[in-house]
Amino acid sequence: MIRPARPDDVPTIHRLVRELAEYERAPEQVLSTPDDLTAALFAPGAAAFAHVAEHVGDDGEPEIAGFALWFRNFSTWTGRHGVYLEDLYVRPELRGHGYGRSLLAELARICVERGYQRLEWSVLDWNTPSIEFYRALGARPMDEWTTFRLDGEGLEKLGRS
C-alpha cells in the first residue's frame, strides 16, 4: 500500500534517509534530524512531501518498506509545475517486490491528476541497478544536462556579495 507519510512515520523515514546515504557512500552528509523532516513535511506551508510504501511484516503488522520524498518544481518551457523526486529508497531486503515502482507510479498519478508535465530525479552514475530500474519504467537520462550545486563556503561567499 502506498500512502502519504504521517508525522509518526518521520523517525522511520529519517532512518531510511541515513541508510540511503550509507548506500550512496556519503553518510557524513546527512545533517537533517527527525525534527527537521517533521518541519519540512508537516509545518504550515510545507513545500516538501513524502509517500511511504507499507509492507506487512512477519508479525502481521504494517511496516514501512520504503519512501519517496518530493517537492514541486516549475518549468518555464512548459509553463507548468512538475515533481522533483529528491529521494526514493526501498529497504534492500524488500526490493524486487514492486514497492519502488508503486511509489513512482503514485508520483506519476499525482502529476497526471494535477496537470504536471514532468517527474524528474537524479541518480548517481555508478548506481547501475537503479538506472536499469528507471529505464525499465520508460524513464530516460538527461545526458546533455550537468547538475550544479552551490553550497558551503561558495554559497556563503556568493550570498554575502
C-alpha atoms as a PDB file:
ATOM      1  CA  MET A   1       0.000   0.000   0.000  1.00  0.00           C
ATOM      2  CA  ILE A   2       1.246   3.476  -0.886  1.00  0.00           C
ATOM      3  CA  ARG A   3       0.072   6.379   1.251  1.00  0.00           C
ATOM      4  CA  PRO A   4       1.096   9.920   2.201  1.00  0.00           C
ATOM      5  CA  ALA A   5       3.525   9.999   5.092  1.00  0.00           C
ATOM      6  CA  ARG A   6       2.230  10.873   8.552  1.00  0.00           C
ATOM      7  CA  PRO A   7       4.133  12.634  11.339  1.00  0.00           C
ATOM      8  CA  ASP A   8       4.607   9.336  13.195  1.00  0.00           C
ATOM      9  CA  ASP A   9       6.431   7.961  10.107  1.00  0.00           C
ATOM     10  CA  VAL A  10       9.219  10.532  10.370  1.00  0.00           C
ATOM     11  CA  PRO A  11      11.603   8.565  12.638  1.00  0.00           C
ATOM     12  CA  THR A  12      11.478   5.627  10.212  1.00  0.00           C
ATOM     13  CA  ILE A  13      11.842   7.885   7.160  1.00  0.00           C
ATOM     14  CA  HIS A  14      14.856   9.547   8.782  1.00  0.00           C
ATOM     15  CA  ARG A  15      16.417   6.148   9.499  1.00  0.00           C
ATOM     16  CA  LEU A  16      15.872   5.200   5.841  1.00  0.00           C
ATOM     17  CA  VAL A  17      17.438   8.505   4.718  1.00  0.00           C
ATOM     18  CA  ARG A  18      20.523   7.527   6.698  1.00  0.00           C
ATOM     19  CA  GLU A  19      20.503   4.050   5.082  1.00  0.00           C
ATOM     20  CA  LEU A  20      20.263   5.678   1.655  1.00  0.00           C
ATOM     21  CA  ALA A  21      23.219   7.938   2.463  1.00  0.00           C
ATOM     22  CA  GLU A  22      25.263   4.917   3.520  1.00  0.00           C
ATOM     23  CA  TYR A  23      24.370   3.171   0.251  1.00  0.00           C
ATOM     24  CA  GLU A  24      25.393   6.303  -1.656  1.00  0.00           C
ATOM     25  CA  ARG A  25      28.709   6.359   0.247  1.00  0.00           C
ATOM     26  CA  ALA A  26      28.002   9.689   1.953  1.00  0.00           C
ATOM     27  CA  PRO A  27      26.616   9.083   5.462  1.00  0.00           C
ATOM     28  CA  GLU A  28      28.502  12.096   6.845  1.00  0.00           C
ATOM     29  CA  GLN A  29      26.472  14.387   4.593  1.00  0.00           C
ATOM     30  CA  VAL A  30      23.184  13.690   6.404  1.00  0.00           C
ATOM     31  CA  LEU A  31      22.771  16.709   8.650  1.00  0.00           C
ATOM     32  CA  SER A  32      18.986  16.562   8.991  1.00  0.00           C
ATOM     33  CA  THR A  33      17.230  15.449  12.140  1.00  0.00           C
ATOM     34  CA  PRO A  34      13.784  13.939  12.523  1.00  0.00           C
ATOM     35  CA  ASP A  35      12.635  17.371  13.735  1.00  0.00           C
ATOM     36  CA  ASP A  36      13.922  18.940  10.507  1.00  0.00           C
ATOM     37  CA  LEU A  37      11.950  16.431   8.444  1.00  0.00           C
ATOM     38  CA  THR A  38       8.837  16.936  10.556  1.00  0.00           C
ATOM     39  CA  ALA A  39       9.014  20.684   9.991  1.00  0.00           C
ATOM     40  CA  ALA A  40       9.710  20.318   6.257  1.00  0.00           C
ATOM     41  CA  LEU A  41       6.869  17.873   5.702  1.00  0.00           C
ATOM     42  CA  PHE A  42       4.181  18.944   8.167  1.00  0.00           C
ATOM     43  CA  ALA A  43       4.624  22.590   9.195  1.00  0.00           C
ATOM     44  CA  PRO A  44       2.090  25.097   7.846  1.00  0.00           C
ATOM     45  CA  GLY A  45       3.036  25.905   4.253  1.00  0.00           C
ATOM     46  CA  ALA A  46       5.225  22.811   3.949  1.00  0.00           C
ATOM     47  CA  ALA A  47       6.810  22.588   0.499  1.00  0.00           C
ATOM     48  CA  ALA A  48       8.128  19.018   0.728  1.00  0.00           C
ATOM     49  CA  PHE A  49       6.027  15.874   0.656  1.00  0.00           C
ATOM     50  CA  ALA A  50       6.572  12.192   1.264  1.00  0.00           C
ATOM     51  CA  HIS A  51       4.824   8.947   0.473  1.00  0.00           C
ATOM     52  CA  VAL A  52       5.572   5.610   2.051  1.00  0.00           C
ATOM     53  CA  ALA A  53       5.173   2.040   0.899  1.00  0.00           C
ATOM     54  CA  GLU A  54       3.815  -0.260   3.559  1.00  0.00           C
ATOM     55  CA  HIS A  55       4.723  -3.926   3.842  1.00  0.00           C
ATOM     56  CA  VAL A  56       3.029  -6.415   6.143  1.00  0.00           C
ATOM     57  CA  GLY A  57       5.725  -7.752   8.433  1.00  0.00           C
ATOM     58  CA  ASP A  58       6.140 -11.258   9.784  1.00  0.00           C
ATOM     59  CA  ASP A  59       4.087 -10.223  12.810  1.00  0.00           C
ATOM     60  CA  GLY A  60       1.168  -9.220  10.583  1.00  0.00           C
ATOM     61  CA  GLU A  61       1.668  -5.530  11.308  1.00  0.00           C
ATOM     62  CA  PRO A  62       2.338  -2.967   8.571  1.00  0.00           C
ATOM     63  CA  GLU A  63       5.826  -1.515   8.427  1.00  0.00           C
ATOM     64  CA  ILE A  64       7.447   0.989   6.099  1.00  0.00           C
ATOM     65  CA  ALA A  65       9.225  -0.733   3.212  1.00  0.00           C
ATOM     66  CA  GLY A  66      10.381   2.472   1.535  1.00  0.00           C
ATOM     67  CA  PHE A  67       9.636   6.104   0.856  1.00  0.00           C
ATOM     68  CA  ALA A  68       9.619   8.805  -1.788  1.00  0.00           C
ATOM     69  CA  LEU A  69      10.340  12.382  -0.715  1.00  0.00           C
ATOM     70  CA  TRP A  70       9.490  15.031  -3.296  1.00  0.00           C
ATOM     71  CA  PHE A  71       8.633  18.664  -3.964  1.00  0.00           C
ATOM     72  CA  ARG A  72       7.057  20.675  -6.754  1.00  0.00           C
ATOM     73  CA  ASN A  73       9.259  22.322  -9.345  1.00  0.00           C
ATOM     74  CA  PHE A  74       8.365  24.533 -12.290  1.00  0.00           C
ATOM     75  CA  SER A  75       9.275  24.581 -15.973  1.00  0.00           C
ATOM     76  CA  THR A  76       9.278  27.895 -17.781  1.00  0.00           C
ATOM     77  CA  TRP A  77       9.280  25.923 -21.029  1.00  0.00           C
ATOM     78  CA  THR A  78       6.034  24.103 -20.323  1.00  0.00           C
ATOM     79  CA  GLY A  79       4.587  26.808 -18.079  1.00  0.00           C
ATOM     80  CA  ARG A  80       3.602  24.114 -15.609  1.00  0.00           C
ATOM     81  CA  HIS A  81       4.680  22.575 -12.362  1.00  0.00           C
ATOM     82  CA  GLY A  82       6.274  19.178 -12.094  1.00  0.00           C
ATOM     83  CA  VAL A  83       7.536  16.901  -9.380  1.00  0.00           C
ATOM     84  CA  TYR A  84      11.166  16.608  -8.382  1.00  0.00           C
ATOM     85  CA  LEU A  85      11.869  13.356  -6.572  1.00  0.00           C
ATOM     86  CA  GLU A  86      14.556  14.105  -4.009  1.00  0.00           C
ATOM     87  CA  ASP A  87      14.855  10.586  -2.601  1.00  0.00           C
ATOM     88  CA  LEU A  88      13.435   7.176  -3.423  1.00  0.00           C
ATOM     89  CA  TYR A  89      14.504   4.329  -1.181  1.00  0.00           C
ATOM     90  CA  VAL A  90      13.301   0.805  -0.538  1.00  0.00           C
ATOM     91  CA  ARG A  91      14.868  -1.336   2.159  1.00  0.00           C
ATOM     92  CA  PRO A  92      17.288  -3.770   0.483  1.00  0.00           C
ATOM     93  CA  GLU A  93      15.567  -6.892   1.786  1.00  0.00           C
ATOM     94  CA  LEU A  94      12.251  -5.725   0.292  1.00  0.00           C
ATOM     95  CA  ARG A  95      13.490  -4.756  -3.160  1.00  0.00           C
ATOM     96  CA  GLY A  96      12.016  -6.640  -6.071  1.00  0.00           C
ATOM     97  CA  HIS A  97       8.503  -6.661  -4.585  1.00  0.00           C
ATOM     98  CA  GLY A  98       7.249  -3.647  -6.555  1.00  0.00           C
ATOM     99  CA  TYR A  99       7.461  -1.005  -3.817  1.00  0.00           C
ATOM    100  CA  GLY A 100       9.762   1.312  -5.760  1.00  0.00           C
ATOM    101  CA  ARG A 101       7.627   1.027  -8.870  1.00  0.00           C
ATOM    102  CA  SER A 102       4.475   1.664  -6.835  1.00  0.00           C
ATOM    103  CA  LEU A 103       5.963   4.767  -5.234  1.00  0.00           C
ATOM    104  CA  LEU A 104       6.953   6.144  -8.652  1.00  0.00           C
ATOM    105  CA  ALA A 105       3.540   5.227 -10.067  1.00  0.00           C
ATOM    106  CA  GLU A 106       1.885   7.224  -7.268  1.00  0.00           C
ATOM    107  CA  LEU A 107       4.009  10.275  -8.089  1.00  0.00           C
ATOM    108  CA  ALA A 108       3.188   9.837 -11.784  1.00  0.00           C
ATOM    109  CA  ARG A 109      -0.501   9.633 -10.861  1.00  0.00           C
ATOM    110  CA  ILE A 110      -0.187  12.891  -8.905  1.00  0.00           C
ATOM    111  CA  CYS A 111       1.469  14.532 -11.927  1.00  0.00           C
ATOM    112  CA  VAL A 112      -1.267  13.364 -14.299  1.00  0.00           C
ATOM    113  CA  GLU A 113      -4.078  14.282 -11.902  1.00  0.00           C
ATOM    114  CA  ARG A 114      -2.700  17.797 -11.296  1.00  0.00           C
ATOM    115  CA  GLY A 115      -1.628  18.518 -14.863  1.00  0.00           C
ATOM    116  CA  TYR A 116       2.077  18.493 -14.011  1.00  0.00           C
ATOM    117  CA  GLN A 117       4.268  17.901 -17.043  1.00  0.00           C
ATOM    118  CA  ARG A 118       7.341  16.228 -15.563  1.00  0.00           C
ATOM    119  CA  LEU A 119       8.566  13.805 -12.931  1.00  0.00           C
ATOM    120  CA  GLU A 120      12.310  14.227 -12.574  1.00  0.00           C
ATOM    121  CA  TRP A 121      15.101  12.968 -10.335  1.00  0.00           C
ATOM    122  CA  SER A 122      18.844  12.406 -10.244  1.00  0.00           C
ATOM    123  CA  VAL A 123      20.731   9.153  -9.905  1.00  0.00           C
ATOM    124  CA  LEU A 124      24.404   8.564  -9.262  1.00  0.00           C
ATOM    125  CA  ASP A 125      26.305   7.473 -12.375  1.00  0.00           C
ATOM    126  CA  TRP A 126      27.576   4.295 -10.691  1.00  0.00           C
ATOM    127  CA  ASN A 127      24.150   3.171  -9.430  1.00  0.00           C
ATOM    128  CA  THR A 128      23.565   0.661 -12.228  1.00  0.00           C
ATOM    129  CA  PRO A 129      20.702  -1.263 -10.554  1.00  0.00           C
ATOM    130  CA  SER A 130      18.683   1.948 -10.136  1.00  0.00           C
ATOM    131  CA  ILE A 131      19.492   3.180 -13.633  1.00  0.00           C
ATOM    132  CA  GLU A 132      18.311  -0.124 -15.115  1.00  0.00           C
ATOM    133  CA  PHE A 133      15.161   0.001 -12.983  1.00  0.00           C
ATOM    134  CA  TYR A 134      14.338   3.550 -14.137  1.00  0.00           C
ATOM    135  CA  ARG A 135      14.984   2.702 -17.783  1.00  0.00           C
ATOM    136  CA  ALA A 136      12.672  -0.313 -17.493  1.00  0.00           C
ATOM    137  CA  LEU A 137       9.913   2.076 -16.385  1.00  0.00           C
ATOM    138  CA  GLY A 138      10.425   4.193 -19.508  1.00  0.00           C
ATOM    139  CA  ALA A 139      12.472   6.969 -17.876  1.00  0.00           C
ATOM    140  CA  ARG A 140      15.289   8.410 -19.932  1.00  0.00           C
ATOM    141  CA  PRO A 141      18.515  10.039 -18.793  1.00  0.00           C
ATOM    142  CA  MET A 142      19.032  13.714 -19.496  1.00  0.00           C
ATOM    143  CA  ASP A 143      22.642  13.200 -20.561  1.00  0.00           C
ATOM    144  CA  GLU A 144      23.008  16.636 -22.086  1.00  0.00           C
ATOM    145  CA  TRP A 145      22.484  18.323 -18.689  1.00  0.00           C
ATOM    146  CA  THR A 146      25.014  18.714 -15.883  1.00  0.00           C
ATOM    147  CA  THR A 147      23.812  19.247 -12.337  1.00  0.00           C
ATOM    148  CA  PHE A 148      25.479  22.096 -10.483  1.00  0.00           C
ATOM    149  CA  ARG A 149      25.399  22.738  -6.754  1.00  0.00           C
ATOM    150  CA  LEU A 150      26.363  25.788  -4.760  1.00  0.00           C
ATOM    151  CA  ASP A 151      26.763  25.092  -1.044  1.00  0.00           C
ATOM    152  CA  GLY A 152      29.094  25.591   1.888  1.00  0.00           C
ATOM    153  CA  GLU A 153      31.733  28.276   1.534  1.00  0.00           C
ATOM    154  CA  GLY A 154      30.812  29.049  -2.083  1.00  0.00           C
ATOM    155  CA  LEU A 155      27.179  29.632  -1.140  1.00  0.00           C
ATOM    156  CA  GLU A 156      28.160  31.805   1.803  1.00  0.00           C
ATOM    157  CA  LYS A 157      30.575  33.862  -0.303  1.00  0.00           C
ATOM    158  CA  LEU A 158      28.065  34.491  -3.101  1.00  0.00           C
ATOM    159  CA  GLY A 159      25.232  35.117  -0.657  1.00  0.00           C
ATOM    160  CA  ARG A 160      27.218  37.806   1.136  1.00  0.00           C
ATOM    161  CA  SER A 161      28.445  39.560  -2.022  1.00  0.00           C
END
